[in-house]
Amino acid sequence: MTIQGAEAHHLAVVCRARPGDAICLFNGDGHEYPATVHEVGKRSVTVQVHGIETPERELGYRLEVAAPLPKGDRGQFLLEKLTELGMTAYIPLNTRRSVVAPGAGRLDKLERYVIEASKQTGRNVLMRVEPAQDWTTYCRRPDLPATRLLATPGGATACWAPGQDLAVAVGPEGGFTEDEIEAGRQAGWQVVGLGPRILRIETAAIVLAVLGAGFR
């Protein structure tokens, strides 16, 4: 098997792989593939795959986070941490107070962040990054989990059964507008608070991800 492109560069230059080195490959299908490096070239790495393994590292249920993309490096930080915590999907939200509107090029970068974080954590199923969606459209999607939490200052204490499919939503800097919160309520979202302090987008999203993933 020959590996090319960014992954070949990562193996040859970053990891400094040499013939005979044992490595582990994954492609996001839920499996991983033990292999041995056979040859290292300038633009490609040839490996021999020895088998297939299926370690259990995923949550076992659906847990997706919808939140506006934070500015600058905070967006990369958010994607890395959501991947590490085992989230199944991230949906960039467009809201009335959103600042960043990620286009197709930015989504490619977000997916790259997920791949790199998956390597570090040993995940063999990639967190899905969906195209940006308007909140008023997303919150009414018929395919969402039955349990849905919308975080906003002053909301009630979150209440749900751990270990079940869950969608969580975080607003932009400045929060959801009252109309957006009401749209969520009308669509069956539980409006919850995360304590007495105002949290940044990425902090609130990570808190909800930790709770949803069952960390206590």
C-alpha atoms as a PDB file:
ATOM      1  CA  MET A   1       0.000   0.000   0.000  1.00  0.00           C
ATOM      2  CA  THR A   2       1.331   3.465  -0.928  1.00  0.00           C
ATOM      3  CA  ILE A   3       0.528   6.569   1.101  1.00  0.00           C
ATOM      4  CA  GLN A   4       0.831   9.952  -0.611  1.00  0.00           C
ATOM      5  CA  GLY A   5       0.124  13.623   0.026  1.00  0.00           C
ATOM      6  CA  ALA A   6      -0.152  15.183   3.479  1.00  0.00           C
ATOM      7  CA  GLU A   7      -0.180  11.862   5.308  1.00  0.00           C
ATOM      8  CA  ALA A   8       3.017  10.709   3.594  1.00  0.00           C
ATOM      9  CA  HIS A   9       4.667  14.006   4.565  1.00  0.00           C
ATOM     10  CA  HIS A  10       3.481  13.538   8.147  1.00  0.00           C
ATOM     11  CA  LEU A  11       4.962  10.042   8.325  1.00  0.00           C
ATOM     12  CA  ALA A  12       8.258  10.850   6.613  1.00  0.00           C
ATOM     13  CA  VAL A  13       9.012  14.342   7.937  1.00  0.00           C
ATOM     14  CA  VAL A  14       7.079  14.805  11.175  1.00  0.00           C
ATOM     15  CA  CYS A  15       7.190  11.226  12.491  1.00  0.00           C
ATOM     16  CA  ARG A  16      10.525  10.451  10.740  1.00  0.00           C
ATOM     17  CA  ALA A  17       9.343   6.977   9.841  1.00  0.00           C
ATOM     18  CA  ARG A  18      11.984   4.559   8.553  1.00  0.00           C
ATOM     19  CA  PRO A  19      11.787   1.130   6.882  1.00  0.00           C
ATOM     20  CA  GLY A  20      10.889  -1.493   9.445  1.00  0.00           C
ATOM     21  CA  ASP A  21       9.003   0.903  11.741  1.00  0.00           C
ATOM     22  CA  ALA A  22       5.652  -0.342  13.055  1.00  0.00           C
ATOM     23  CA  ILE A  23       2.764   2.090  12.492  1.00  0.00           C
ATOM     24  CA  CYS A  24      -1.019   2.040  12.767  1.00  0.00           C
ATOM     25  CA  LEU A  25      -3.271   3.353   9.992  1.00  0.00           C
ATOM     26  CA  PHE A  26      -6.906   4.480  10.087  1.00  0.00           C
ATOM     27  CA  ASN A  27      -9.315   5.907   7.535  1.00  0.00           C
ATOM     28  CA  GLY A  28     -12.325   6.832   9.660  1.00  0.00           C
ATOM     29  CA  ASP A  29     -14.249   3.600   9.055  1.00  0.00           C
ATOM     30  CA  GLY A  30     -14.108   2.492  12.709  1.00  0.00           C
ATOM     31  CA  HIS A  31     -11.156   0.146  12.251  1.00  0.00           C
ATOM     32  CA  GLU A  32      -7.387   0.514  12.495  1.00  0.00           C
ATOM     33  CA  TYR A  33      -4.745  -1.297  10.509  1.00  0.00           C
ATOM     34  CA  PRO A  34      -1.367  -2.365  11.989  1.00  0.00           C
ATOM     35  CA  ALA A  35       1.353  -1.985   9.361  1.00  0.00           C
ATOM     36  CA  THR A  36       5.107  -1.840   8.795  1.00  0.00           C
ATOM     37  CA  VAL A  37       6.923   0.846   6.811  1.00  0.00           C
ATOM     38  CA  HIS A  38       8.529  -0.699   3.724  1.00  0.00           C
ATOM     39  CA  GLU A  39       9.956   2.285   1.830  1.00  0.00           C
ATOM     40  CA  VAL A  40      10.130   6.047   2.433  1.00  0.00           C
ATOM     41  CA  GLY A  41      10.339   8.354  -0.580  1.00  0.00           C
ATOM     42  CA  LYS A  42      10.185  12.125  -1.094  1.00  0.00           C
ATOM     43  CA  ARG A  43       6.470  12.165  -1.874  1.00  0.00           C
ATOM     44  CA  SER A  44       5.220   8.756  -0.810  1.00  0.00           C
ATOM     45  CA  VAL A  45       5.576   6.050   1.831  1.00  0.00           C
ATOM     46  CA  THR A  46       5.028   2.373   1.057  1.00  0.00           C
ATOM     47  CA  VAL A  47       3.715   0.201   3.882  1.00  0.00           C
ATOM     48  CA  GLN A  48       2.654  -3.396   4.391  1.00  0.00           C
ATOM     49  CA  VAL A  49      -0.662  -3.818   6.230  1.00  0.00           C
ATOM     50  CA  HIS A  50      -0.751  -6.864   8.530  1.00  0.00           C
ATOM     51  CA  GLY A  51      -4.345  -6.988   9.716  1.00  0.00           C
ATOM     52  CA  ILE A  52      -7.414  -5.167  10.974  1.00  0.00           C
ATOM     53  CA  GLU A  53      -8.447  -4.284  14.527  1.00  0.00           C
ATOM     54  CA  THR A  54     -11.591  -2.676  15.922  1.00  0.00           C
ATOM     55  CA  PRO A  55     -10.900  -1.106  19.322  1.00  0.00           C
ATOM     56  CA  GLU A  56     -13.843   0.410  21.221  1.00  0.00           C
ATOM     57  CA  ARG A  57     -13.043   4.113  21.636  1.00  0.00           C
ATOM     58  CA  GLU A  58     -16.309   5.787  20.612  1.00  0.00           C
ATOM     59  CA  LEU A  59     -19.175   6.892  22.856  1.00  0.00           C
ATOM     60  CA  GLY A  60     -21.713   4.424  21.484  1.00  0.00           C
ATOM     61  CA  TYR A  61     -24.388   7.087  20.990  1.00  0.00           C
ATOM     62  CA  ARG A  62     -24.894  10.281  19.004  1.00  0.00           C
ATOM     63  CA  LEU A  63     -23.611  13.504  20.562  1.00  0.00           C
ATOM     64  CA  GLU A  64     -23.448  16.583  18.353  1.00  0.00           C
ATOM     65  CA  VAL A  65     -22.491  20.164  19.105  1.00  0.00           C
ATOM     66  CA  ALA A  66     -23.874  23.169  17.226  1.00  0.00           C
ATOM     67  CA  ALA A  67     -22.091  26.463  17.838  1.00  0.00           C
ATOM     68  CA  PRO A  68     -20.845  29.495  15.909  1.00  0.00           C
ATOM     69  CA  LEU A  69     -17.193  29.184  14.950  1.00  0.00           C
ATOM     70  CA  PRO A  70     -15.072  31.343  17.295  1.00  0.00           C
ATOM     71  CA  LYS A  71     -12.599  33.861  15.883  1.00  0.00           C
ATOM     72  CA  GLY A  72      -8.952  33.062  15.164  1.00  0.00           C
ATOM     73  CA  ASP A  73      -7.165  30.109  16.737  1.00  0.00           C
ATOM     74  CA  ARG A  74     -10.071  29.540  19.114  1.00  0.00           C
ATOM     75  CA  GLY A  75     -11.873  27.729  16.296  1.00  0.00           C
ATOM     76  CA  GLN A  76      -9.039  25.228  15.949  1.00  0.00           C
ATOM     77  CA  PHE A  77      -8.958  24.767  19.724  1.00  0.00           C
ATOM     78  CA  LEU A  78     -12.706  24.035  19.743  1.00  0.00           C
ATOM     79  CA  LEU A  79     -12.490  21.410  16.987  1.00  0.00           C
ATOM     80  CA  GLU A  80      -9.534  19.680  18.640  1.00  0.00           C
ATOM     81  CA  LYS A  81     -11.209  19.442  22.038  1.00  0.00           C
ATOM     82  CA  LEU A  82     -14.569  18.275  20.682  1.00  0.00           C
ATOM     83  CA  THR A  83     -12.727  15.534  18.793  1.00  0.00           C
ATOM     84  CA  GLU A  84     -10.793  14.508  21.896  1.00  0.00           C
ATOM     85  CA  LEU A  85     -14.010  14.304  23.925  1.00  0.00           C
ATOM     86  CA  GLY A  86     -15.624  11.956  21.417  1.00  0.00           C
ATOM     87  CA  MET A  87     -18.265  14.173  19.805  1.00  0.00           C
ATOM     88  CA  THR A  88     -19.898  12.637  16.748  1.00  0.00           C
ATOM     89  CA  ALA A  89     -20.604  15.881  14.859  1.00  0.00           C
ATOM     90  CA  TYR A  90     -19.951  19.623  14.881  1.00  0.00           C
ATOM     91  CA  ILE A  91     -22.322  22.034  13.137  1.00  0.00           C
ATOM     92  CA  PRO A  92     -21.120  25.641  12.642  1.00  0.00           C
ATOM     93  CA  LEU A  93     -24.086  27.898  13.371  1.00  0.00           C
ATOM     94  CA  ASN A  94     -25.060  31.150  11.706  1.00  0.00           C
ATOM     95  CA  THR A  95     -26.962  33.325  14.167  1.00  0.00           C
ATOM     96  CA  ARG A  96     -27.961  36.974  14.251  1.00  0.00           C
ATOM     97  CA  ARG A  97     -24.862  37.887  16.294  1.00  0.00           C
ATOM     98  CA  SER A  98     -22.384  35.512  14.624  1.00  0.00           C
ATOM     99  CA  VAL A  99     -19.058  37.010  13.542  1.00  0.00           C
ATOM    100  CA  VAL A 100     -17.364  34.202  11.571  1.00  0.00           C
ATOM    101  CA  ALA A 101     -19.133  32.612   8.579  1.00  0.00           C
ATOM    102  CA  PRO A 102     -17.024  29.602   7.515  1.00  0.00           C
ATOM    103  CA  GLY A 103     -17.006  28.900   3.782  1.00  0.00           C
ATOM    104  CA  ALA A 104     -15.987  25.710   1.986  1.00  0.00           C
ATOM    105  CA  GLY A 105     -12.271  26.497   2.298  1.00  0.00           C
ATOM    106  CA  ARG A 106     -12.538  26.980   6.046  1.00  0.00           C
ATOM    107  CA  LEU A 107     -14.498  23.744   6.404  1.00  0.00           C
ATOM    108  CA  ASP A 108     -11.581  21.892   4.802  1.00  0.00           C
ATOM    109  CA  LYS A 109      -9.333  23.291   7.529  1.00  0.00           C
ATOM    110  CA  LEU A 110     -11.787  22.266  10.227  1.00  0.00           C
ATOM    111  CA  GLU A 111     -11.795  18.714   8.879  1.00  0.00           C
ATOM    112  CA  ARG A 112      -7.982  18.716   8.928  1.00  0.00           C
ATOM    113  CA  TYR A 113      -8.059  19.747  12.606  1.00  0.00           C
ATOM    114  CA  VAL A 114     -10.331  16.769  13.287  1.00  0.00           C
ATOM    115  CA  ILE A 115      -7.968  14.363  11.519  1.00  0.00           C
ATOM    116  CA  GLU A 116      -4.929  15.623  13.419  1.00  0.00           C
ATOM    117  CA  ALA A 117      -6.742  15.447  16.766  1.00  0.00           C
ATOM    118  CA  SER A 118      -7.977  11.940  15.938  1.00  0.00           C
ATOM    119  CA  LYS A 119      -4.396  10.808  15.388  1.00  0.00           C
ATOM    120  CA  GLN A 120      -3.403  12.171  18.782  1.00  0.00           C
ATOM    121  CA  THR A 121      -6.313  10.605  20.660  1.00  0.00           C
ATOM    122  CA  GLY A 122      -6.480   7.278  18.838  1.00  0.00           C
ATOM    123  CA  ARG A 123      -9.997   7.824  17.487  1.00  0.00           C
ATOM    124  CA  ASN A 124     -10.741   5.715  14.422  1.00  0.00           C
ATOM    125  CA  VAL A 125     -14.074   7.354  13.568  1.00  0.00           C
ATOM    126  CA  LEU A 126     -13.848  10.974  12.459  1.00  0.00           C
ATOM    127  CA  MET A 127     -16.092  13.585  14.024  1.00  0.00           C
ATOM    128  CA  ARG A 128     -18.329  14.851  11.218  1.00  0.00           C
ATOM    129  CA  VAL A 129     -18.066  18.565  10.351  1.00  0.00           C
ATOM    130  CA  GLU A 130     -21.221  19.767   8.609  1.00  0.00           C
ATOM    131  CA  PRO A 131     -21.631  22.887   6.456  1.00  0.00           C
ATOM    132  CA  ALA A 132     -22.700  26.027   8.328  1.00  0.00           C
ATOM    133  CA  GLN A 133     -26.441  26.248   9.026  1.00  0.00           C
ATOM    134  CA  ASP A 134     -28.782  29.000  10.195  1.00  0.00           C
ATOM    135  CA  TRP A 135     -29.957  28.387  13.748  1.00  0.00           C
ATOM    136  CA  THR A 136     -33.627  28.803  12.891  1.00  0.00           C
ATOM    137  CA  THR A 137     -33.266  26.064  10.256  1.00  0.00           C
ATOM    138  CA  TYR A 138     -31.035  23.739  12.267  1.00  0.00           C
ATOM    139  CA  CYS A 139     -33.111  23.850  15.460  1.00  0.00           C
ATOM    140  CA  ARG A 140     -36.172  22.507  13.573  1.00  0.00           C
ATOM    141  CA  ARG A 141     -34.422  19.676  11.749  1.00  0.00           C
ATOM    142  CA  PRO A 142     -36.529  16.520  12.008  1.00  0.00           C
ATOM    143  CA  ASP A 143     -33.468  14.246  12.248  1.00  0.00           C
ATOM    144  CA  LEU A 144     -32.155  15.715  15.523  1.00  0.00           C
ATOM    145  CA  PRO A 145     -31.985  13.624  18.716  1.00  0.00           C
ATOM    146  CA  ALA A 146     -35.071  13.733  20.912  1.00  0.00           C
ATOM    147  CA  THR A 147     -33.059  15.380  23.702  1.00  0.00           C
ATOM    148  CA  ARG A 148     -31.746  18.836  22.795  1.00  0.00           C
ATOM    149  CA  LEU A 149     -30.092  21.420  25.072  1.00  0.00           C
ATOM    150  CA  LEU A 150     -29.784  25.130  24.253  1.00  0.00           C
ATOM    151  CA  ALA A 151     -27.323  26.923  26.539  1.00  0.00           C
ATOM    152  CA  THR A 152     -27.954  30.533  27.530  1.00  0.00           C
ATOM    153  CA  PRO A 153     -27.209  32.624  30.643  1.00  0.00           C
ATOM    154  CA  GLY A 154     -30.020  32.315  33.155  1.00  0.00           C
ATOM    155  CA  GLY A 155     -31.317  29.018  31.803  1.00  0.00           C
ATOM    156  CA  ALA A 156     -32.520  26.171  34.004  1.00  0.00           C
ATOM    157  CA  THR A 157     -30.370  23.312  35.270  1.00  0.00           C
ATOM    158  CA  ALA A 158     -29.852  20.724  32.556  1.00  0.00           C
ATOM    159  CA  CYS A 159     -31.782  17.496  33.060  1.00  0.00           C
ATOM    160  CA  TRP A 160     -31.460  14.425  30.842  1.00  0.00           C
ATOM    161  CA  ALA A 161     -30.550  10.745  31.026  1.00  0.00           C
ATOM    162  CA  PRO A 162     -26.812  10.257  30.353  1.00  0.00           C
ATOM    163  CA  GLY A 163     -25.774   7.848  27.631  1.00  0.00           C
ATOM    164  CA  GLN A 164     -28.518   8.736  25.158  1.00  0.00           C
ATOM    165  CA  ASP A 165     -28.450  10.591  21.848  1.00  0.00           C
ATOM    166  CA  LEU A 166     -28.058  14.319  22.501  1.00  0.00           C
ATOM    167  CA  ALA A 167     -27.700  17.604  20.607  1.00  0.00           C
ATOM    168  CA  VAL A 168     -26.355  20.717  22.335  1.00  0.00           C
ATOM    169  CA  ALA A 169     -26.296  24.290  21.050  1.00  0.00           C
ATOM    170  CA  VAL A 170     -24.246  27.315  22.084  1.00  0.00           C
ATOM    171  CA  GLY A 171     -24.818  30.887  20.954  1.00  0.00           C
ATOM    172  CA  PRO A 172     -22.300  33.449  19.656  1.00  0.00           C
ATOM    173  CA  GLU A 173     -20.533  36.189  21.584  1.00  0.00           C
ATOM    174  CA  GLY A 174     -23.443  38.165  22.956  1.00  0.00           C
ATOM    175  CA  GLY A 175     -25.612  35.039  23.051  1.00  0.00           C
ATOM    176  CA  PHE A 176     -28.717  33.974  21.206  1.00  0.00           C
ATOM    177  CA  THR A 177     -31.337  36.672  20.727  1.00  0.00           C
ATOM    178  CA  GLU A 178     -34.675  36.298  22.516  1.00  0.00           C
ATOM    179  CA  ASP A 179     -36.305  35.399  19.194  1.00  0.00           C
ATOM    180  CA  GLU A 180     -33.710  32.655  18.615  1.00  0.00           C
ATOM    181  CA  ILE A 181     -34.207  31.269  22.112  1.00  0.00           C
ATOM    182  CA  GLU A 182     -37.957  31.225  21.591  1.00  0.00           C
ATOM    183  CA  ALA A 183     -37.497  29.468  18.252  1.00  0.00           C
ATOM    184  CA  GLY A 184     -35.521  26.802  20.093  1.00  0.00           C
ATOM    185  CA  ARG A 185     -38.216  26.406  22.750  1.00  0.00           C
ATOM    186  CA  GLN A 186     -40.912  26.072  20.122  1.00  0.00           C
ATOM    187  CA  ALA A 187     -38.819  23.367  18.422  1.00  0.00           C
ATOM    188  CA  GLY A 188     -38.526  21.351  21.640  1.00  0.00           C
ATOM    189  CA  TRP A 189     -35.108  22.460  22.901  1.00  0.00           C
ATOM    190  CA  GLN A 190     -34.518  22.534  26.674  1.00  0.00           C
ATOM    191  CA  VAL A 191     -33.106  25.965  27.592  1.00  0.00           C
ATOM    192  CA  VAL A 192     -30.319  25.440  30.142  1.00  0.00           C
ATOM    193  CA  GLY A 193     -27.746  27.522  31.994  1.00  0.00           C
ATOM    194  CA  LEU A 194     -24.078  26.808  32.700  1.00  0.00           C
ATOM    195  CA  GLY A 195     -23.595  28.693  35.946  1.00  0.00           C
ATOM    196  CA  PRO A 196     -23.434  32.330  37.017  1.00  0.00           C
ATOM    197  CA  ARG A 197     -20.533  33.380  34.744  1.00  0.00           C
ATOM    198  CA  ILE A 198     -20.577  34.232  31.053  1.00  0.00           C
ATOM    199  CA  LEU A 199     -18.550  31.644  29.127  1.00  0.00           C
ATOM    200  CA  ARG A 200     -16.838  31.972  25.781  1.00  0.00           C
ATOM    201  CA  ILE A 201     -18.234  29.974  22.855  1.00  0.00           C
ATOM    202  CA  GLU A 202     -15.567  27.287  23.013  1.00  0.00           C
ATOM    203  CA  THR A 203     -15.726  27.014  26.817  1.00  0.00           C
ATOM    204  CA  ALA A 204     -19.509  26.562  26.856  1.00  0.00           C
ATOM    205  CA  ALA A 205     -19.347  24.017  24.027  1.00  0.00           C
ATOM    206  CA  ILE A 206     -16.665  22.001  25.815  1.00  0.00           C
ATOM    207  CA  VAL A 207     -18.610  22.053  29.111  1.00  0.00           C
ATOM    208  CA  LEU A 208     -21.687  20.668  27.358  1.00  0.00           C
ATOM    209  CA  ALA A 209     -19.555  18.107  25.528  1.00  0.00           C
ATOM    210  CA  VAL A 210     -18.022  16.900  28.792  1.00  0.00           C
ATOM    211  CA  LEU A 211     -21.452  16.569  30.426  1.00  0.00           C
ATOM    212  CA  GLY A 212     -22.938  14.840  27.395  1.00  0.00           C
ATOM    213  CA  ALA A 213     -20.011  12.416  27.154  1.00  0.00           C
ATOM    214  CA  GLY A 214     -20.641  11.314  30.742  1.00  0.00           C
ATOM    215  CA  PHE A 215     -17.549  12.781  32.428  1.00  0.00           C
ATOM    216  CA  ARG A 216     -18.306  13.641  36.033  1.00  0.00           C
END
